[in-house]
Amino acid sequence: MRENRLRTLWKSGGAAVNGWLAIPNGFSAETMAHQGWDSLTIDLQHGVVDYQSMIPMLQAISTTDTVPVVRVPWLDPSALMKALDAGAYGVICPMISTPDEAARLVAYTHYAPRGTRSFGPVRALLYGGVDYPQHANDTIVTFAMIETAQALDNLDAIMSVEGLDAVYIGPSDLSLALGCRPVFDDVDPPAQQAIDHILERAKAHGLVAGIHNGTAEGALARIAKGFQFVTVSSDARLMAAGSQQLLSKMRATPAAPGSSSY
């Protein structure tokens, strides 16, 4: 079975730099994948991507060594299983707040006897290899998003669920849950304390900790703290930022007389 390079990177003590895909297009996903991201996450929760557009995006990522990850809309067995059957090598599930929800997440993403995932790896066999069924349970990465006050109360119980590989912090939702501003990097003190606590408990439980970031500087600072999966920007944000950078220079420089804008 094709290796999951996230697991290989984490085992060596490294941190994965993850990109985010919100544009439902195979070519944009292919372009992002060829830039050298360790992994790319297709966002089915808040992006404008649906299942049918996700497939060509996964196919495009497959032209590189970038690891394909999918954030599903919710703790729904059909969404999780179809994302894995389509070839996702990691799944991020939002709003995991109780150990029961974490246990169901693990069950939905693992074949029996370790879980209840239904067998039908239609495209996963093409991506992972013919021996996918024998190794999927130990290859796929399962992330539980920690982003509610209830999750903080149940943190150790959630992280004690066998088969959970990693936790992923959504700073904006976590901040809102704690009465703070919904930001990625410069979070308010209560949210920062919660983030530090989640990271500390993840290390204690032997889980990888991941987090969403707004800037490269913020992501690097969090890697230095011990985060091993950091998301930096998205295809849509990078396209907007690149356009703004170019246009700010163009608008600031008057065109020469008689010059063409073509």
C-alpha atoms as a PDB file:
ATOM      1  CA  MET A   1       0.000   0.000   0.000  1.00  0.00           C
ATOM      2  CA  ARG A   2       1.173   3.521  -0.751  1.00  0.00           C
ATOM      3  CA  GLU A   3       2.718   5.052   2.371  1.00  0.00           C
ATOM      4  CA  ASN A   4       1.016   7.874   4.172  1.00  0.00           C
ATOM      5  CA  ARG A   5       3.760  10.473   4.178  1.00  0.00           C
ATOM      6  CA  LEU A   6       2.109  12.283   7.083  1.00  0.00           C
ATOM      7  CA  ARG A   7       2.776   9.302   9.320  1.00  0.00           C
ATOM      8  CA  THR A   8       6.345   9.033   8.047  1.00  0.00           C
ATOM      9  CA  LEU A   9       6.974  12.724   8.660  1.00  0.00           C
ATOM     10  CA  TRP A  10       5.490  12.647  12.155  1.00  0.00           C
ATOM     11  CA  LYS A  11       7.431   9.529  13.108  1.00  0.00           C
ATOM     12  CA  SER A  12      10.638  11.389  12.290  1.00  0.00           C
ATOM     13  CA  GLY A  13       9.549  14.277  14.512  1.00  0.00           C
ATOM     14  CA  GLY A  14       8.753  16.620  11.652  1.00  0.00           C
ATOM     15  CA  ALA A  15       5.795  18.919  11.064  1.00  0.00           C
ATOM     16  CA  ALA A  16       3.537  18.820   8.009  1.00  0.00           C
ATOM     17  CA  VAL A  17       2.695  22.026   6.172  1.00  0.00           C
ATOM     18  CA  ASN A  18      -0.893  21.668   5.021  1.00  0.00           C
ATOM     19  CA  GLY A  19      -2.693  23.708   2.384  1.00  0.00           C
ATOM     20  CA  TRP A  20      -6.444  24.226   2.181  1.00  0.00           C
ATOM     21  CA  LEU A  21      -8.652  23.759  -0.882  1.00  0.00           C
ATOM     22  CA  ALA A  22     -11.932  25.670  -1.080  1.00  0.00           C
ATOM     23  CA  ILE A  23     -12.178  26.037  -4.873  1.00  0.00           C
ATOM     24  CA  PRO A  24     -14.058  23.131  -6.485  1.00  0.00           C
ATOM     25  CA  ASN A  25     -11.730  22.604  -9.411  1.00  0.00           C
ATOM     26  CA  GLY A  26      -9.276  19.888 -10.415  1.00  0.00           C
ATOM     27  CA  PHE A  27      -6.818  22.222 -12.131  1.00  0.00           C
ATOM     28  CA  SER A  28      -6.499  24.551  -9.138  1.00  0.00           C
ATOM     29  CA  ALA A  29      -6.003  21.512  -6.880  1.00  0.00           C
ATOM     30  CA  GLU A  30      -3.355  20.166  -9.266  1.00  0.00           C
ATOM     31  CA  THR A  31      -1.582  23.526  -9.312  1.00  0.00           C
ATOM     32  CA  MET A  32      -1.546  23.669  -5.516  1.00  0.00           C
ATOM     33  CA  ALA A  33      -0.317  20.082  -5.211  1.00  0.00           C
ATOM     34  CA  HIS A  34       2.629  20.738  -7.529  1.00  0.00           C
ATOM     35  CA  GLN A  35       3.929  23.519  -5.272  1.00  0.00           C
ATOM     36  CA  GLY A  36       5.276  21.089  -2.673  1.00  0.00           C
ATOM     37  CA  TRP A  37       2.709  21.057   0.142  1.00  0.00           C
ATOM     38  CA  ASP A  38       3.087  18.085   2.479  1.00  0.00           C
ATOM     39  CA  SER A  39      -0.684  17.664   2.405  1.00  0.00           C
ATOM     40  CA  LEU A  40      -3.746  19.387   1.005  1.00  0.00           C
ATOM     41  CA  THR A  41      -7.135  19.360   2.681  1.00  0.00           C
ATOM     42  CA  ILE A  42     -10.296  19.518   0.594  1.00  0.00           C
ATOM     43  CA  ASP A  43     -12.897  21.368   2.643  1.00  0.00           C
ATOM     44  CA  LEU A  44     -16.392  19.926   2.401  1.00  0.00           C
ATOM     45  CA  GLN A  45     -17.579  21.758   5.507  1.00  0.00           C
ATOM     46  CA  HIS A  46     -17.167  25.454   4.742  1.00  0.00           C
ATOM     47  CA  GLY A  47     -15.786  25.467   1.217  1.00  0.00           C
ATOM     48  CA  VAL A  48     -17.977  25.397  -1.902  1.00  0.00           C
ATOM     49  CA  VAL A  49     -16.817  21.864  -2.735  1.00  0.00           C
ATOM     50  CA  ASP A  50     -19.237  18.951  -3.061  1.00  0.00           C
ATOM     51  CA  TYR A  51     -18.582  15.231  -3.499  1.00  0.00           C
ATOM     52  CA  GLN A  52     -18.649  15.279  -7.290  1.00  0.00           C
ATOM     53  CA  SER A  53     -16.095  18.089  -7.509  1.00  0.00           C
ATOM     54  CA  MET A  54     -13.970  16.452  -4.801  1.00  0.00           C
ATOM     55  CA  ILE A  55     -13.200  13.435  -6.984  1.00  0.00           C
ATOM     56  CA  PRO A  56     -11.251  15.262  -9.728  1.00  0.00           C
ATOM     57  CA  MET A  57      -9.495  17.249  -7.012  1.00  0.00           C
ATOM     58  CA  LEU A  58      -8.296  14.013  -5.391  1.00  0.00           C
ATOM     59  CA  GLN A  59      -7.248  12.725  -8.801  1.00  0.00           C
ATOM     60  CA  ALA A  60      -5.276  15.923  -9.397  1.00  0.00           C
ATOM     61  CA  ILE A  61      -3.483  15.678  -6.047  1.00  0.00           C
ATOM     62  CA  SER A  62      -2.586  12.085  -6.937  1.00  0.00           C
ATOM     63  CA  THR A  63      -0.217  13.363  -9.639  1.00  0.00           C
ATOM     64  CA  THR A  64       2.149  14.374  -6.792  1.00  0.00           C
ATOM     65  CA  ASP A  65       3.447  13.074  -3.456  1.00  0.00           C
ATOM     66  CA  THR A  66       1.176  15.491  -1.582  1.00  0.00           C
ATOM     67  CA  VAL A  67      -1.085  13.642   0.874  1.00  0.00           C
ATOM     68  CA  PRO A  68      -4.826  14.089   0.180  1.00  0.00           C
ATOM     69  CA  VAL A  69      -6.928  14.963   3.225  1.00  0.00           C
ATOM     70  CA  VAL A  70     -10.651  15.740   3.397  1.00  0.00           C
ATOM     71  CA  ARG A  71     -12.515  17.729   6.029  1.00  0.00           C
ATOM     72  CA  VAL A  72     -15.994  16.257   6.118  1.00  0.00           C
ATOM     73  CA  PRO A  73     -19.051  18.409   6.906  1.00  0.00           C
ATOM     74  CA  TRP A  74     -19.952  16.632  10.148  1.00  0.00           C
ATOM     75  CA  LEU A  75     -19.735  13.404  12.125  1.00  0.00           C
ATOM     76  CA  ASP A  76     -21.672  11.496   9.492  1.00  0.00           C
ATOM     77  CA  PRO A  77     -20.699   7.911   8.616  1.00  0.00           C
ATOM     78  CA  SER A  78     -21.656   8.218   4.947  1.00  0.00           C
ATOM     79  CA  ALA A  79     -19.549  11.356   4.439  1.00  0.00           C
ATOM     80  CA  LEU A  80     -16.539   9.856   6.196  1.00  0.00           C
ATOM     81  CA  MET A  81     -16.722   6.507   4.420  1.00  0.00           C
ATOM     82  CA  LYS A  82     -17.259   8.019   0.975  1.00  0.00           C
ATOM     83  CA  ALA A  83     -14.291  10.382   1.458  1.00  0.00           C
ATOM     84  CA  LEU A  84     -12.085   7.416   2.359  1.00  0.00           C
ATOM     85  CA  ASP A  85     -13.481   5.257  -0.457  1.00  0.00           C
ATOM     86  CA  ALA A  86     -12.612   8.115  -2.828  1.00  0.00           C
ATOM     87  CA  GLY A  87      -8.962   7.988  -1.786  1.00  0.00           C
ATOM     88  CA  ALA A  88      -8.539  10.425   1.095  1.00  0.00           C
ATOM     89  CA  TYR A  89      -5.548   9.413   3.231  1.00  0.00           C
ATOM     90  CA  GLY A  90      -6.714  11.533   6.141  1.00  0.00           C
ATOM     91  CA  VAL A  91     -10.053  12.850   7.373  1.00  0.00           C
ATOM     92  CA  ILE A  92     -10.726  15.824   9.640  1.00  0.00           C
ATOM     93  CA  CYS A  93     -14.049  15.767  11.452  1.00  0.00           C
ATOM     94  CA  PRO A  94     -15.400  19.001  12.975  1.00  0.00           C
ATOM     95  CA  MET A  95     -17.057  19.590  16.331  1.00  0.00           C
ATOM     96  CA  ILE A  96     -15.970  16.469  18.225  1.00  0.00           C
ATOM     97  CA  SER A  97     -17.018  17.303  21.778  1.00  0.00           C
ATOM     98  CA  THR A  98     -17.450  14.007  23.642  1.00  0.00           C
ATOM     99  CA  PRO A  99     -15.612  10.680  23.919  1.00  0.00           C
ATOM    100  CA  ASP A 100     -18.666   8.981  22.394  1.00  0.00           C
ATOM    101  CA  GLU A 101     -18.373  11.177  19.302  1.00  0.00           C
ATOM    102  CA  ALA A 102     -14.638  10.457  19.119  1.00  0.00           C
ATOM    103  CA  ALA A 103     -15.310   6.725  19.397  1.00  0.00           C
ATOM    104  CA  ARG A 104     -17.866   6.891  16.601  1.00  0.00           C
ATOM    105  CA  LEU A 105     -15.399   8.823  14.444  1.00  0.00           C
ATOM    106  CA  VAL A 106     -12.815   6.094  14.917  1.00  0.00           C
ATOM    107  CA  ALA A 107     -15.375   3.383  14.225  1.00  0.00           C
ATOM    108  CA  TYR A 108     -16.579   5.007  10.995  1.00  0.00           C
ATOM    109  CA  THR A 109     -13.006   5.293   9.674  1.00  0.00           C
ATOM    110  CA  HIS A 110     -11.772   1.766  10.462  1.00  0.00           C
ATOM    111  CA  TYR A 111     -12.691  -1.626   9.083  1.00  0.00           C
ATOM    112  CA  ALA A 112     -13.822  -4.432  11.394  1.00  0.00           C
ATOM    113  CA  PRO A 113     -12.838  -5.662  13.880  1.00  0.00           C
ATOM    114  CA  ARG A 114     -11.512  -2.214  14.865  1.00  0.00           C
ATOM    115  CA  GLY A 115     -14.471  -0.302  13.498  1.00  0.00           C
ATOM    116  CA  THR A 116     -17.654  -0.316  11.458  1.00  0.00           C
ATOM    117  CA  ARG A 117     -16.466   1.144   8.157  1.00  0.00           C
ATOM    118  CA  SER A 118     -18.337  -0.508   5.317  1.00  0.00           C
ATOM    119  CA  PHE A 119     -16.192  -2.160   2.659  1.00  0.00           C
ATOM    120  CA  GLY A 120     -16.153  -0.499  -0.761  1.00  0.00           C
ATOM    121  CA  PRO A 121     -12.833   1.289  -1.429  1.00  0.00           C
ATOM    122  CA  VAL A 122     -13.710   2.059  -5.032  1.00  0.00           C
ATOM    123  CA  ARG A 123     -11.066   4.666  -5.835  1.00  0.00           C
ATOM    124  CA  ALA A 124      -8.955   4.023  -2.735  1.00  0.00           C
ATOM    125  CA  LEU A 125      -7.747   0.796  -4.350  1.00  0.00           C
ATOM    126  CA  LEU A 126      -6.430   2.797  -7.302  1.00  0.00           C
ATOM    127  CA  TYR A 127      -4.703   5.350  -5.099  1.00  0.00           C
ATOM    128  CA  GLY A 128      -3.544   3.158  -2.228  1.00  0.00           C
ATOM    129  CA  GLY A 129      -2.924  -0.110  -4.045  1.00  0.00           C
ATOM    130  CA  VAL A 130      -4.491  -3.550  -4.248  1.00  0.00           C
ATOM    131  CA  ASP A 131      -3.512  -4.344  -0.654  1.00  0.00           C
ATOM    132  CA  TYR A 132      -5.397  -1.281   0.633  1.00  0.00           C
ATOM    133  CA  PRO A 133      -7.955  -3.361   2.596  1.00  0.00           C
ATOM    134  CA  GLN A 134      -5.214  -5.080   4.592  1.00  0.00           C
ATOM    135  CA  HIS A 135      -3.401  -1.877   5.606  1.00  0.00           C
ATOM    136  CA  ALA A 136      -5.973   0.933   5.557  1.00  0.00           C
ATOM    137  CA  ASN A 137      -6.631   0.836   9.311  1.00  0.00           C
ATOM    138  CA  ASP A 138      -2.960   1.545  10.043  1.00  0.00           C
ATOM    139  CA  THR A 139      -2.434   3.992   7.184  1.00  0.00           C
ATOM    140  CA  ILE A 140      -5.386   6.394   7.216  1.00  0.00           C
ATOM    141  CA  VAL A 141      -5.089   9.344   9.625  1.00  0.00           C
ATOM    142  CA  THR A 142      -8.141  10.328  11.673  1.00  0.00           C
ATOM    143  CA  PHE A 143      -8.322  13.891  13.067  1.00  0.00           C
ATOM    144  CA  ALA A 144     -10.877  15.048  15.632  1.00  0.00           C
ATOM    145  CA  MET A 145     -11.458  18.795  15.662  1.00  0.00           C
ATOM    146  CA  ILE A 146     -11.376  20.319  19.131  1.00  0.00           C
ATOM    147  CA  GLU A 147     -13.256  23.596  18.966  1.00  0.00           C
ATOM    148  CA  THR A 148     -15.965  23.705  21.646  1.00  0.00           C
ATOM    149  CA  ALA A 149     -16.103  24.382  25.370  1.00  0.00           C
ATOM    150  CA  GLN A 150     -17.602  20.921  25.849  1.00  0.00           C
ATOM    151  CA  ALA A 151     -14.609  19.365  24.096  1.00  0.00           C
ATOM    152  CA  LEU A 152     -12.280  21.149  26.509  1.00  0.00           C
ATOM    153  CA  ASP A 153     -14.217  19.682  29.424  1.00  0.00           C
ATOM    154  CA  ASN A 154     -13.906  16.197  27.892  1.00  0.00           C
ATOM    155  CA  LEU A 155     -10.407  16.602  26.494  1.00  0.00           C
ATOM    156  CA  ASP A 156      -8.613  13.723  28.198  1.00  0.00           C
ATOM    157  CA  ALA A 157     -11.523  11.347  27.621  1.00  0.00           C
ATOM    158  CA  ILE A 158     -11.610  12.246  23.911  1.00  0.00           C
ATOM    159  CA  MET A 159      -7.865  11.808  23.543  1.00  0.00           C
ATOM    160  CA  SER A 160      -8.001   8.449  25.311  1.00  0.00           C
ATOM    161  CA  VAL A 161     -10.132   6.922  22.539  1.00  0.00           C
ATOM    162  CA  GLU A 162      -8.091   4.156  20.942  1.00  0.00           C
ATOM    163  CA  GLY A 163      -7.548   4.609  17.226  1.00  0.00           C
ATOM    164  CA  LEU A 164      -7.643   8.407  17.213  1.00  0.00           C
ATOM    165  CA  ASP A 165      -4.454   9.675  15.573  1.00  0.00           C
ATOM    166  CA  ALA A 166      -4.588  13.427  15.891  1.00  0.00           C
ATOM    167  CA  VAL A 167      -6.533  16.456  17.033  1.00  0.00           C
ATOM    168  CA  TYR A 168      -7.032  19.587  14.984  1.00  0.00           C
ATOM    169  CA  ILE A 169      -7.788  22.968  16.493  1.00  0.00           C
ATOM    170  CA  GLY A 170     -10.123  25.408  14.794  1.00  0.00           C
ATOM    171  CA  PRO A 171      -9.013  28.651  16.505  1.00  0.00           C
ATOM    172  CA  SER A 172     -12.001  30.677  15.310  1.00  0.00           C
ATOM    173  CA  ASP A 173     -14.720  28.350  16.586  1.00  0.00           C
ATOM    174  CA  LEU A 174     -12.755  27.656  19.766  1.00  0.00           C
ATOM    175  CA  SER A 175     -12.418  31.396  20.328  1.00  0.00           C
ATOM    176  CA  LEU A 176     -16.138  31.968  19.795  1.00  0.00           C
ATOM    177  CA  ALA A 177     -16.941  29.179  22.238  1.00  0.00           C
ATOM    178  CA  LEU A 178     -14.846  30.972  24.853  1.00  0.00           C
ATOM    179  CA  GLY A 179     -16.343  34.400  24.180  1.00  0.00           C
ATOM    180  CA  CYS A 180     -13.327  35.641  22.233  1.00  0.00           C
ATOM    181  CA  ARG A 181     -12.707  37.132  18.803  1.00  0.00           C
ATOM    182  CA  PRO A 182     -12.822  34.541  15.969  1.00  0.00           C
ATOM    183  CA  VAL A 183      -9.251  34.870  14.661  1.00  0.00           C
ATOM    184  CA  PHE A 184      -6.545  32.422  13.609  1.00  0.00           C
ATOM    185  CA  ASP A 185      -3.242  33.722  14.973  1.00  0.00           C
ATOM    186  CA  ASP A 186      -3.433  36.602  17.450  1.00  0.00           C
ATOM    187  CA  VAL A 187      -6.031  34.934  19.627  1.00  0.00           C
ATOM    188  CA  ASP A 188      -7.300  36.375  22.904  1.00  0.00           C
ATOM    189  CA  PRO A 189      -5.706  35.112  26.154  1.00  0.00           C
ATOM    190  CA  PRO A 190      -8.469  32.614  27.098  1.00  0.00           C
ATOM    191  CA  ALA A 191      -8.275  31.020  23.657  1.00  0.00           C
ATOM    192  CA  GLN A 192      -4.472  30.946  23.782  1.00  0.00           C
ATOM    193  CA  GLN A 193      -4.582  29.211  27.152  1.00  0.00           C
ATOM    194  CA  ALA A 194      -6.977  26.629  25.698  1.00  0.00           C
ATOM    195  CA  ILE A 195      -4.754  26.057  22.659  1.00  0.00           C
ATOM    196  CA  ASP A 196      -1.700  25.556  24.866  1.00  0.00           C
ATOM    197  CA  HIS A 197      -3.667  23.131  27.048  1.00  0.00           C
ATOM    198  CA  ILE A 198      -4.861  21.095  24.045  1.00  0.00           C
ATOM    199  CA  LEU A 199      -1.308  20.856  22.735  1.00  0.00           C
ATOM    200  CA  GLU A 200       0.029  19.766  26.121  1.00  0.00           C
ATOM    201  CA  ARG A 201      -2.635  17.078  26.532  1.00  0.00           C
ATOM    202  CA  ALA A 202      -2.147  15.826  22.979  1.00  0.00           C
ATOM    203  CA  LYS A 203       1.555  15.325  23.661  1.00  0.00           C
ATOM    204  CA  ALA A 204       0.713  13.505  26.887  1.00  0.00           C
ATOM    205  CA  HIS A 205      -1.599  11.128  25.004  1.00  0.00           C
ATOM    206  CA  GLY A 206       0.828  10.563  22.128  1.00  0.00           C
ATOM    207  CA  LEU A 207      -1.401  12.288  19.576  1.00  0.00           C
ATOM    208  CA  VAL A 208      -0.387  14.679  16.841  1.00  0.00           C
ATOM    209  CA  ALA A 209      -1.696  18.219  17.299  1.00  0.00           C
ATOM    210  CA  GLY A 210      -2.712  20.295  14.306  1.00  0.00           C
ATOM    211  CA  ILE A 211      -4.047  23.831  13.985  1.00  0.00           C
ATOM    212  CA  HIS A 212      -5.330  26.351  11.455  1.00  0.00           C
ATOM    213  CA  ASN A 213      -3.157  29.454  10.947  1.00  0.00           C
ATOM    214  CA  GLY A 214      -3.545  32.766   9.187  1.00  0.00           C
ATOM    215  CA  THR A 215       0.120  33.454   8.403  1.00  0.00           C
ATOM    216  CA  ALA A 216       3.372  31.601   7.867  1.00  0.00           C
ATOM    217  CA  GLU A 217       4.839  33.397  10.877  1.00  0.00           C
ATOM    218  CA  GLY A 218       2.012  32.142  13.065  1.00  0.00           C
ATOM    219  CA  ALA A 219       2.418  28.594  11.760  1.00  0.00           C
ATOM    220  CA  LEU A 220       6.179  28.599  12.344  1.00  0.00           C
ATOM    221  CA  ALA A 221       5.687  29.804  15.921  1.00  0.00           C
ATOM    222  CA  ARG A 222       3.247  26.974  16.549  1.00  0.00           C
ATOM    223  CA  ILE A 223       5.602  24.379  15.046  1.00  0.00           C
ATOM    224  CA  ALA A 224       8.220  25.642  17.486  1.00  0.00           C
ATOM    225  CA  LYS A 225       5.750  24.942  20.294  1.00  0.00           C
ATOM    226  CA  GLY A 226       5.211  21.379  19.129  1.00  0.00           C
ATOM    227  CA  PHE A 227       2.383  21.379  16.585  1.00  0.00           C
ATOM    228  CA  GLN A 228       3.065  18.825  13.838  1.00  0.00           C
ATOM    229  CA  PHE A 229       0.317  19.718  11.381  1.00  0.00           C
ATOM    230  CA  VAL A 230      -0.128  23.372  10.455  1.00  0.00           C
ATOM    231  CA  THR A 231      -2.509  24.735   7.867  1.00  0.00           C
ATOM    232  CA  VAL A 232      -1.401  27.949   6.197  1.00  0.00           C
ATOM    233  CA  SER A 233      -3.880  29.775   3.967  1.00  0.00           C
ATOM    234  CA  SER A 234      -6.044  28.349   1.174  1.00  0.00           C
ATOM    235  CA  ASP A 235      -6.221  28.380  -2.593  1.00  0.00           C
ATOM    236  CA  ALA A 236      -8.876  31.097  -2.529  1.00  0.00           C
ATOM    237  CA  ARG A 237      -6.976  33.271  -0.044  1.00  0.00           C
ATOM    238  CA  LEU A 238      -3.701  32.869  -1.931  1.00  0.00           C
ATOM    239  CA  MET A 239      -5.357  33.847  -5.214  1.00  0.00           C
ATOM    240  CA  ALA A 240      -6.895  36.927  -3.596  1.00  0.00           C
ATOM    241  CA  ALA A 241      -3.646  37.894  -1.840  1.00  0.00           C
ATOM    242  CA  GLY A 242      -1.598  37.501  -5.022  1.00  0.00           C
ATOM    243  CA  SER A 243      -4.063  39.603  -6.971  1.00  0.00           C
ATOM    244  CA  GLN A 244      -4.098  42.313  -4.313  1.00  0.00           C
ATOM    245  CA  GLN A 245      -0.291  42.429  -4.230  1.00  0.00           C
ATOM    246  CA  LEU A 246      -0.033  42.786  -7.995  1.00  0.00           C
ATOM    247  CA  LEU A 247      -2.849  45.335  -8.303  1.00  0.00           C
ATOM    248  CA  SER A 248      -1.537  47.498  -5.467  1.00  0.00           C
ATOM    249  CA  LYS A 249       1.706  47.896  -7.400  1.00  0.00           C
ATOM    250  CA  MET A 250      -0.088  48.545 -10.681  1.00  0.00           C
ATOM    251  CA  ARG A 251      -2.430  51.171  -9.198  1.00  0.00           C
ATOM    252  CA  ALA A 252       0.449  52.917  -7.458  1.00  0.00           C
ATOM    253  CA  THR A 253       2.380  53.375 -10.716  1.00  0.00           C
ATOM    254  CA  PRO A 254       0.789  55.726 -13.308  1.00  0.00           C
ATOM    255  CA  ALA A 255       0.722  54.234 -16.791  1.00  0.00           C
ATOM    256  CA  ALA A 256       3.037  55.883 -19.334  1.00  0.00           C
ATOM    257  CA  PRO A 257       1.281  58.053 -21.959  1.00  0.00           C
ATOM    258  CA  GLY A 258       0.116  56.008 -24.891  1.00  0.00           C
ATOM    259  CA  SER A 259       0.791  52.700 -23.179  1.00  0.00           C
ATOM    260  CA  SER A 260      -1.599  49.780 -23.517  1.00  0.00           C
ATOM    261  CA  SER A 261      -3.143  47.948 -20.589  1.00  0.00           C
ATOM    262  CA  TYR A 262      -3.141  44.675 -22.558  1.00  0.00           C
END
